[in-house]
Amino acid sequence: MALLTSLVALSIDAMLPALPEIGRDLLAGDVNNNQLVVSVLFFGLALGLFLYGPLSDSIGRKPAVFIGMGIFIAGCLLAIFATDFRTMLLGRLLQGIGLGAPRVVAIALIRDLYEGAAMARVMSFITTLFIAVPMVAPALGQGILLVSDWRMIFWVILLLGVVSLCWFAIRQPETLPPSRRAPFSPRCLGAAAREVFANRIALGYTLAAGAIFSAFLAYLSTVQQIFQQQYALANWFPLIFAGLAFAVGSASYLNGRLVMRLGMQWIVRRSLLLLAGVSLLFLAPAHYFAGHPPLWLLLAYLAVALFCAGLLFGNINALAMEPLGHIAGMGAAVVGSLSTLMSLPVGIAIARVYAGSVMPIVAGFAVGAIVTLLLVNWAERGRPTP
């Protein structure tokens, strides 16, 4: 499960050092078009999240993963043999759609087998690897580029996907017997979507998740340009990215220690206030240095911003799911898909403005935090008084 779910992070972050080569070889045109190699995968992932939860409830966990991984493998092959940029984007779209399966089904499968502390133990192992992969994935991509071209990165990801799928097929028993399966029904998905839209807490926190993730998506789409091109740190980029990914991972770990004592709402509000405050403050030196602040200052800011993001992601999604326990599977599909689809146009728009200045990313985090805080306040006004 850890290897299957980590393919999502690997497929995104291992590509980052190769974006300029991909764009140049496939005639992407504007250098900012290279960002679509990242964002299109998220679009496919959003579509997959909506599909595989209900599908696994209907046909079983293993068949759903087989279907998803088959689509992922087809997307890898399409990207490997792409001769133009549109074909590459189609391959990335298929990769994202396919990767929705392990992302969704892994949680459902583990819930079939474990509950309480036992489930938390298994999930903590998976989360540890999921956090570790972004720290090493750009270094893997950079290392492959030293001995081969960008297509070899896709070959490596494809090989890991096939290995994990074979391991899953041989070693993992089916956990959902036919007697517990439910027919696949678009009406059930529609009913779950209507319930999310009708519930102020669920809708507010779903929109909040999309607002804050849009800023993070803009960061992911431009981080390679910022450090490899703007700051001319091509060889240091994997190490810098790993350090910033560690900020997200350490925040997730700290959140697990604090959330039972302080509560999700308290952590979310303080993290948003800190993120908005530090981003608004950093706009001044960013503007003073014409969008090119000293490297140490930029790294300090990004470490704080990403630490706040690490505290926010899990808590906001958990709060969105809080009123949806009776439709957990369908609810998770709707919340995950809707928040990701909402974040895409905003995140892409922020990233497309990038022109050798960090100002759009800093402003994106500032506005994203403020909008998220407003949505959180709106959602909490719908909470019943104890």
Protein backbone atom coordinates (compact mmCIF):
# COMPACT_ATOMS: atom_id res chain seq x y z
CA MET A 1 0.00 0.00 0.00
CA ALA A 2 2.83 2.38 0.83
CA LEU A 3 4.56 1.76 -2.49
CA LEU A 4 1.33 2.07 -4.50
CA THR A 5 0.27 5.34 -2.87
CA SER A 6 3.77 6.81 -3.10
CA LEU A 7 3.58 6.54 -6.90
CA VAL A 8 1.47 9.73 -6.80
CA ALA A 9 4.25 11.79 -5.21
CA LEU A 10 6.93 10.09 -7.29
CA SER A 11 5.11 10.79 -10.57
CA ILE A 12 4.89 14.48 -9.67
CA ASP A 13 8.21 15.29 -8.00
CA ALA A 14 10.61 13.11 -10.01
CA MET A 15 9.57 15.07 -13.11
CA LEU A 16 10.49 18.50 -11.73
CA PRO A 17 14.18 18.57 -12.75
CA ALA A 18 13.25 17.35 -16.25
CA LEU A 19 10.57 19.96 -17.06
CA PRO A 20 12.87 22.20 -19.18
CA GLU A 21 14.10 19.23 -21.25
CA ILE A 22 10.56 17.90 -21.77
CA GLY A 23 9.33 21.31 -22.90
CA ARG A 24 12.30 21.81 -25.22
CA ASP A 25 12.16 18.34 -26.81
CA LEU A 26 8.39 18.36 -27.32
CA LEU A 27 8.18 22.01 -28.44
CA ALA A 28 5.98 23.20 -25.59
CA GLY A 29 6.47 26.84 -26.62
CA ASP A 30 6.22 29.25 -23.69
CA VAL A 31 8.41 28.03 -20.82
CA ASN A 32 5.43 28.33 -18.46
CA ASN A 33 3.66 25.64 -20.51
CA ASN A 34 6.04 23.15 -18.90
CA GLN A 35 4.05 23.61 -15.67
CA LEU A 36 1.13 21.73 -17.26
CA VAL A 37 3.11 18.48 -16.96
CA VAL A 38 2.47 18.82 -13.19
CA SER A 39 -1.02 20.34 -13.12
CA VAL A 40 -2.63 18.05 -15.72
CA LEU A 41 -1.75 15.03 -13.56
CA PHE A 42 -3.67 16.61 -10.68
CA PHE A 43 -6.69 17.09 -12.96
CA GLY A 44 -6.64 13.38 -13.81
CA LEU A 45 -6.21 12.54 -10.12
CA ALA A 46 -9.32 14.57 -9.27
CA LEU A 47 -11.35 12.61 -11.83
CA GLY A 48 -9.97 9.32 -10.48
CA LEU A 49 -10.77 10.21 -6.87
CA PHE A 50 -14.41 10.63 -7.85
CA LEU A 51 -14.56 7.26 -9.60
CA TYR A 52 -12.63 4.60 -7.71
CA GLY A 53 -14.21 4.80 -4.26
CA PRO A 54 -17.69 3.80 -5.46
CA LEU A 55 -16.18 1.43 -8.03
CA SER A 56 -14.24 -0.49 -5.37
CA ASP A 57 -17.42 -0.76 -3.28
CA SER A 58 -19.12 -2.34 -6.29
CA ILE A 59 -16.57 -4.71 -7.89
CA GLY A 60 -14.08 -5.19 -5.04
CA ARG A 61 -10.84 -3.54 -3.95
CA LYS A 62 -8.39 -5.51 -6.11
CA PRO A 63 -10.23 -5.18 -9.45
CA ALA A 64 -10.52 -1.42 -8.91
CA VAL A 65 -6.76 -1.16 -8.34
CA PHE A 66 -6.09 -3.34 -11.42
CA ILE A 67 -8.20 -1.02 -13.58
CA GLY A 68 -6.55 2.10 -12.21
CA MET A 69 -3.01 0.78 -12.53
CA GLY A 70 -3.74 -0.40 -16.07
CA ILE A 71 -4.72 3.17 -16.98
CA PHE A 72 -1.60 4.47 -15.19
CA ILE A 73 0.67 2.09 -17.17
CA ALA A 74 -0.98 3.17 -20.43
CA GLY A 75 -0.34 6.81 -19.46
CA CYS A 76 3.32 6.07 -18.73
CA LEU A 77 3.79 4.41 -22.12
CA LEU A 78 2.05 7.30 -23.88
CA ALA A 79 4.36 9.79 -22.17
CA ILE A 80 7.48 7.71 -22.91
CA PHE A 81 6.76 7.56 -26.64
CA ALA A 82 5.30 11.08 -26.92
CA THR A 83 6.58 13.08 -29.90
CA ASP A 84 4.63 16.26 -29.15
CA PHE A 85 3.53 18.13 -26.06
CA ARG A 86 -0.19 17.34 -26.42
CA THR A 87 0.51 13.61 -26.36
CA MET A 88 2.64 14.12 -23.24
CA LEU A 89 -0.24 15.94 -21.52
CA LEU A 90 -2.67 13.16 -22.51
CA GLY A 91 -0.28 10.62 -20.99
CA ARG A 92 -0.05 12.66 -17.77
CA LEU A 93 -3.85 12.91 -17.65
CA LEU A 94 -4.14 9.11 -17.89
CA GLN A 95 -1.45 8.71 -15.22
CA GLY A 96 -3.46 10.91 -12.86
CA ILE A 97 -6.74 9.11 -13.56
CA GLY A 98 -5.05 5.77 -12.92
CA LEU A 99 -3.32 6.88 -9.72
CA GLY A 100 -6.68 7.80 -8.22
CA ALA A 101 -7.19 4.06 -7.63
CA PRO A 102 -4.38 3.34 -5.15
CA ARG A 103 -4.91 6.74 -3.53
CA VAL A 104 -8.56 5.97 -2.69
CA VAL A 105 -8.68 2.18 -2.49
CA ALA A 106 -5.69 1.86 -0.14
CA ILE A 107 -7.58 3.64 2.66
CA ALA A 108 -10.75 1.60 2.08
CA LEU A 109 -8.79 -1.67 1.94
CA ILE A 110 -6.95 -0.93 5.18
CA ARG A 111 -10.24 0.03 6.85
CA ASP A 112 -11.64 -3.38 5.80
CA LEU A 113 -8.87 -5.08 7.78
CA TYR A 114 -8.16 -2.77 10.73
CA GLU A 115 -9.76 -0.20 12.97
CA GLY A 116 -8.73 2.07 15.82
CA ALA A 117 -5.09 1.94 16.91
CA ALA A 118 -4.26 -0.93 14.54
CA MET A 119 -5.43 1.11 11.54
CA ALA A 120 -3.54 4.16 12.80
CA ARG A 121 -0.36 2.07 13.04
CA VAL A 122 -0.63 0.87 9.44
CA MET A 123 -1.55 4.32 8.14
CA SER A 124 1.36 5.92 9.99
CA PHE A 125 3.80 3.62 8.15
CA ILE A 126 2.22 4.50 4.81
CA THR A 127 2.25 8.21 5.63
CA THR A 128 5.93 8.04 6.58
CA LEU A 129 6.87 6.69 3.16
CA PHE A 130 4.45 9.05 1.42
CA ILE A 131 6.21 12.00 3.10
CA ALA A 132 9.70 10.60 2.45
CA VAL A 133 9.19 10.14 -1.31
CA PRO A 134 8.96 13.89 -2.17
CA MET A 135 12.26 14.38 -0.34
CA VAL A 136 14.14 11.96 -2.62
CA ALA A 137 12.10 12.02 -5.85
CA PRO A 138 13.74 15.13 -7.42
CA ALA A 139 17.18 13.70 -6.58
CA LEU A 140 16.15 10.47 -8.34
CA GLY A 141 15.03 12.44 -11.38
CA GLN A 142 18.22 14.53 -11.36
CA GLY A 143 20.36 11.39 -11.07
CA ILE A 144 18.61 9.75 -14.02
CA LEU A 145 19.18 12.88 -16.13
CA LEU A 146 22.93 12.59 -15.49
CA VAL A 147 23.05 9.22 -17.29
CA SER A 148 20.03 9.32 -19.60
CA ASP A 149 17.21 11.56 -20.85
CA TRP A 150 13.83 12.45 -19.36
CA ARG A 151 12.09 9.43 -20.91
CA MET A 152 14.11 7.17 -18.60
CA ILE A 153 12.37 8.80 -15.60
CA PHE A 154 9.05 7.53 -16.96
CA TRP A 155 10.56 4.09 -17.52
CA VAL A 156 11.68 3.96 -13.87
CA ILE A 157 8.24 5.07 -12.63
CA LEU A 158 6.60 2.51 -14.93
CA LEU A 159 8.87 -0.25 -13.57
CA LEU A 160 8.03 0.67 -9.97
CA GLY A 161 4.34 0.70 -10.86
CA VAL A 162 4.52 -2.78 -12.43
CA VAL A 163 6.53 -4.18 -9.49
CA SER A 164 4.10 -2.77 -6.91
CA LEU A 165 1.10 -4.03 -8.92
CA CYS A 166 2.54 -7.56 -9.17
CA TRP A 167 3.36 -7.53 -5.46
CA PHE A 168 -0.19 -6.37 -4.72
CA ALA A 169 -1.76 -9.00 -7.02
CA ILE A 170 0.22 -11.89 -5.49
CA ARG A 171 0.30 -10.97 -1.80
CA GLN A 172 -2.87 -8.98 -1.09
CA PRO A 173 -6.13 -10.93 -0.60
CA GLU A 174 -9.43 -9.33 -1.55
CA THR A 175 -10.90 -7.64 1.55
CA LEU A 176 -14.44 -6.90 0.35
CA PRO A 177 -16.49 -10.10 -0.07
CA PRO A 178 -19.33 -10.10 -2.62
CA SER A 179 -21.91 -10.09 0.18
CA ARG A 180 -20.76 -6.62 1.28
CA ARG A 181 -20.58 -5.03 -2.17
CA ALA A 182 -22.98 -2.33 -3.33
CA PRO A 183 -24.08 -1.74 -6.92
CA PHE A 184 -22.30 1.12 -8.68
CA SER A 185 -24.85 3.89 -8.96
CA PRO A 186 -24.38 7.41 -10.39
CA ARG A 187 -27.45 8.34 -8.34
CA CYS A 188 -25.56 7.55 -5.12
CA LEU A 189 -22.67 9.77 -6.21
CA GLY A 190 -25.13 12.52 -7.06
CA ALA A 191 -26.82 12.14 -3.68
CA ALA A 192 -23.44 12.36 -1.92
CA ALA A 193 -22.57 15.49 -3.91
CA ARG A 194 -25.90 17.09 -3.00
CA GLU A 195 -25.32 16.27 0.67
CA VAL A 196 -21.89 17.92 0.60
CA PHE A 197 -23.34 21.05 -1.01
CA ALA A 198 -26.23 21.12 1.45
CA ASN A 199 -24.01 20.81 4.54
CA ARG A 200 -22.35 24.10 5.45
CA ILE A 201 -19.47 22.52 7.36
CA ALA A 202 -18.66 19.95 4.67
CA LEU A 203 -18.93 22.48 1.83
CA GLY A 204 -17.04 25.22 3.67
CA TYR A 205 -14.08 23.01 4.52
CA THR A 206 -14.08 21.41 1.04
CA LEU A 207 -13.80 24.88 -0.52
CA ALA A 208 -11.17 25.77 2.10
CA ALA A 209 -9.13 22.71 1.11
CA GLY A 210 -9.29 23.80 -2.52
CA ALA A 211 -8.30 27.38 -1.70
CA ILE A 212 -5.17 26.46 0.26
CA PHE A 213 -4.17 23.69 -2.14
CA SER A 214 -4.32 26.12 -5.09
CA ALA A 215 -1.40 28.06 -3.56
CA PHE A 216 0.52 24.84 -2.95
CA LEU A 217 -0.13 23.69 -6.53
CA ALA A 218 1.24 27.01 -7.83
CA TYR A 219 4.36 26.44 -5.72
CA LEU A 220 4.81 22.89 -7.08
CA SER A 221 4.37 24.12 -10.65
CA THR A 222 6.99 26.88 -10.37
CA VAL A 223 9.52 25.60 -7.81
CA GLN A 224 11.76 24.16 -10.52
CA GLN A 225 11.82 27.47 -12.42
CA ILE A 226 12.47 29.46 -9.26
CA PHE A 227 15.49 27.51 -8.05
CA GLN A 228 16.96 26.04 -11.25
CA GLN A 229 16.49 29.06 -13.50
CA GLN A 230 15.85 32.20 -11.47
CA TYR A 231 18.47 31.37 -8.79
CA ALA A 232 20.66 29.20 -11.09
CA LEU A 233 20.83 26.35 -8.57
CA ALA A 234 20.32 23.41 -10.92
CA ASN A 235 22.61 21.02 -9.03
CA TRP A 236 21.28 22.08 -5.62
CA PHE A 237 17.61 21.90 -6.53
CA PRO A 238 16.97 18.31 -5.27
CA LEU A 239 18.53 19.12 -1.90
CA ILE A 240 16.59 22.38 -1.54
CA PHE A 241 13.33 20.67 -2.50
CA ALA A 242 14.02 17.88 -0.02
CA GLY A 243 14.58 20.37 2.79
CA LEU A 244 11.33 22.19 2.01
CA ALA A 245 9.47 18.85 1.77
CA PHE A 246 10.85 18.04 5.22
CA ALA A 247 9.04 21.14 6.52
CA VAL A 248 5.73 19.67 5.30
CA GLY A 249 6.53 16.24 6.72
CA SER A 250 7.63 17.53 10.13
CA ALA A 251 4.43 19.56 10.35
CA SER A 252 2.35 16.45 9.65
CA TYR A 253 4.25 14.58 12.37
CA LEU A 254 3.83 17.43 14.87
CA ASN A 255 0.15 17.67 14.05
CA GLY A 256 -0.31 14.03 15.03
CA ARG A 257 1.16 14.83 18.43
CA LEU A 258 -0.83 18.04 19.04
CA VAL A 259 -4.23 17.55 17.44
CA MET A 260 -5.76 15.51 20.27
CA ARG A 261 -4.71 18.16 22.79
CA LEU A 262 -5.43 21.38 20.90
CA GLY A 263 -8.14 20.35 18.44
CA MET A 264 -8.27 20.63 14.66
CA GLN A 265 -10.03 24.00 14.56
CA TRP A 266 -7.45 25.65 16.84
CA ILE A 267 -4.54 24.39 14.75
CA VAL A 268 -6.21 25.36 11.46
CA ARG A 269 -6.97 28.93 12.54
CA ARG A 270 -3.50 29.59 14.00
CA SER A 271 -1.77 28.07 10.98
CA LEU A 272 -3.82 30.21 8.59
CA LEU A 273 -3.14 33.37 10.60
CA LEU A 274 0.59 32.60 10.63
CA LEU A 275 0.66 31.79 6.91
CA ALA A 276 -1.28 34.93 5.98
CA GLY A 277 0.82 37.13 8.29
CA VAL A 278 4.24 35.87 7.21
CA SER A 279 3.23 35.99 3.51
CA LEU A 280 1.97 39.58 3.74
CA LEU A 281 5.15 40.58 5.57
CA PHE A 282 7.36 38.86 3.01
CA LEU A 283 5.73 40.76 0.16
CA ALA A 284 7.67 43.87 1.29
CA PRO A 285 11.22 42.45 0.88
CA ALA A 286 10.11 40.50 -2.21
CA HIS A 287 8.96 43.77 -3.80
CA TYR A 288 12.05 45.67 -2.60
CA PHE A 289 14.34 43.13 -4.30
CA ALA A 290 12.21 43.20 -7.48
CA GLY A 291 10.91 39.66 -6.96
CA HIS A 292 14.40 38.23 -6.34
CA PRO A 293 15.02 38.32 -2.57
CA PRO A 294 18.19 36.82 -1.07
CA LEU A 295 18.12 33.04 -1.22
CA TRP A 296 18.36 32.55 2.55
CA LEU A 297 15.39 34.85 3.10
CA LEU A 298 13.28 33.06 0.49
CA LEU A 299 14.12 29.65 1.96
CA ALA A 300 13.22 30.82 5.46
CA TYR A 301 9.87 32.13 4.22
CA LEU A 302 9.05 28.97 2.22
CA ALA A 303 9.98 26.74 5.17
CA VAL A 304 7.46 28.58 7.38
CA ALA A 305 4.79 28.68 4.65
CA LEU A 306 5.10 24.97 3.85
CA PHE A 307 5.18 24.07 7.55
CA CYS A 308 1.82 25.84 7.89
CA ALA A 309 0.55 23.99 4.81
CA GLY A 310 1.58 20.69 6.38
CA LEU A 311 -0.51 21.51 9.44
CA LEU A 312 -3.51 22.45 7.29
CA PHE A 313 -3.98 19.70 4.69
CA GLY A 314 -4.93 16.77 6.93
CA ASN A 315 -6.97 18.81 9.41
CA ILE A 316 -9.05 20.65 6.81
CA ASN A 317 -9.88 17.41 4.97
CA ALA A 318 -10.78 15.71 8.24
CA LEU A 319 -13.07 18.61 9.19
CA ALA A 320 -14.74 18.43 5.76
CA MET A 321 -15.43 14.74 6.35
CA GLU A 322 -16.70 15.21 9.91
CA PRO A 323 -20.44 15.48 9.01
CA LEU A 324 -20.18 12.76 6.33
CA GLY A 325 -19.44 9.67 8.44
CA HIS A 326 -22.59 7.91 7.25
CA ILE A 327 -21.43 8.21 3.60
CA ALA A 328 -17.69 8.07 4.24
CA GLY A 329 -16.67 6.44 0.95
CA MET A 330 -18.84 8.55 -1.31
CA GLY A 331 -18.18 11.64 0.79
CA ALA A 332 -14.40 11.23 0.53
CA ALA A 333 -14.69 10.87 -3.25
CA VAL A 334 -16.75 14.06 -3.57
CA VAL A 335 -14.63 16.10 -1.13
CA GLY A 336 -11.31 15.02 -2.65
CA SER A 337 -12.46 15.49 -6.23
CA LEU A 338 -14.23 18.82 -5.69
CA SER A 339 -11.39 20.42 -3.71
CA THR A 340 -8.78 19.32 -6.27
CA LEU A 341 -10.85 20.47 -9.26
CA MET A 342 -11.43 23.82 -7.56
CA SER A 343 -7.73 24.33 -6.88
CA LEU A 344 -6.58 23.61 -10.45
CA PRO A 345 -7.70 26.75 -12.34
CA VAL A 346 -6.57 29.04 -9.52
CA GLY A 347 -3.21 27.29 -9.04
CA ILE A 348 -2.54 27.21 -12.79
CA ALA A 349 -3.46 30.90 -13.11
CA ILE A 350 -1.03 31.87 -10.33
CA ALA A 351 1.77 29.77 -11.82
CA ARG A 352 1.22 31.17 -15.34
CA VAL A 353 1.91 34.69 -14.06
CA TYR A 354 5.44 33.66 -13.03
CA ALA A 355 8.05 35.68 -14.94
CA GLY A 356 11.27 35.44 -12.96
CA SER A 357 9.76 36.85 -9.76
CA VAL A 358 8.59 35.10 -6.59
CA MET A 359 5.87 37.72 -6.04
CA PRO A 360 3.01 35.65 -7.58
CA ILE A 361 3.76 32.65 -5.34
CA VAL A 362 4.02 34.75 -2.16
CA ALA A 363 0.83 36.62 -3.04
CA GLY A 364 -0.84 33.30 -3.82
CA PHE A 365 -0.05 31.97 -0.35
CA ALA A 366 -1.21 35.24 1.26
CA VAL A 367 -4.53 35.43 -0.60
CA GLY A 368 -5.05 31.67 -0.33
CA ALA A 369 -4.62 31.78 3.46
CA ILE A 370 -6.98 34.75 3.85
CA VAL A 371 -9.68 33.19 1.63
CA THR A 372 -9.29 29.87 3.46
CA LEU A 373 -9.67 31.59 6.83
CA LEU A 374 -12.86 33.32 5.65
CA LEU A 375 -14.25 29.99 4.41
CA VAL A 376 -13.36 28.31 7.72
CA ASN A 377 -15.19 31.04 9.65
CA TRP A 378 -18.19 30.69 7.34
CA ALA A 379 -18.22 26.90 7.77
CA GLU A 380 -17.97 27.08 11.57
CA ARG A 381 -21.07 29.31 11.73
CA GLY A 382 -22.98 26.26 10.52
CA ARG A 383 -21.84 24.10 13.45
CA PRO A 384 -24.65 23.27 15.91
CA THR A 385 -24.26 24.78 19.37
CA PRO A 386 -23.34 22.04 21.89
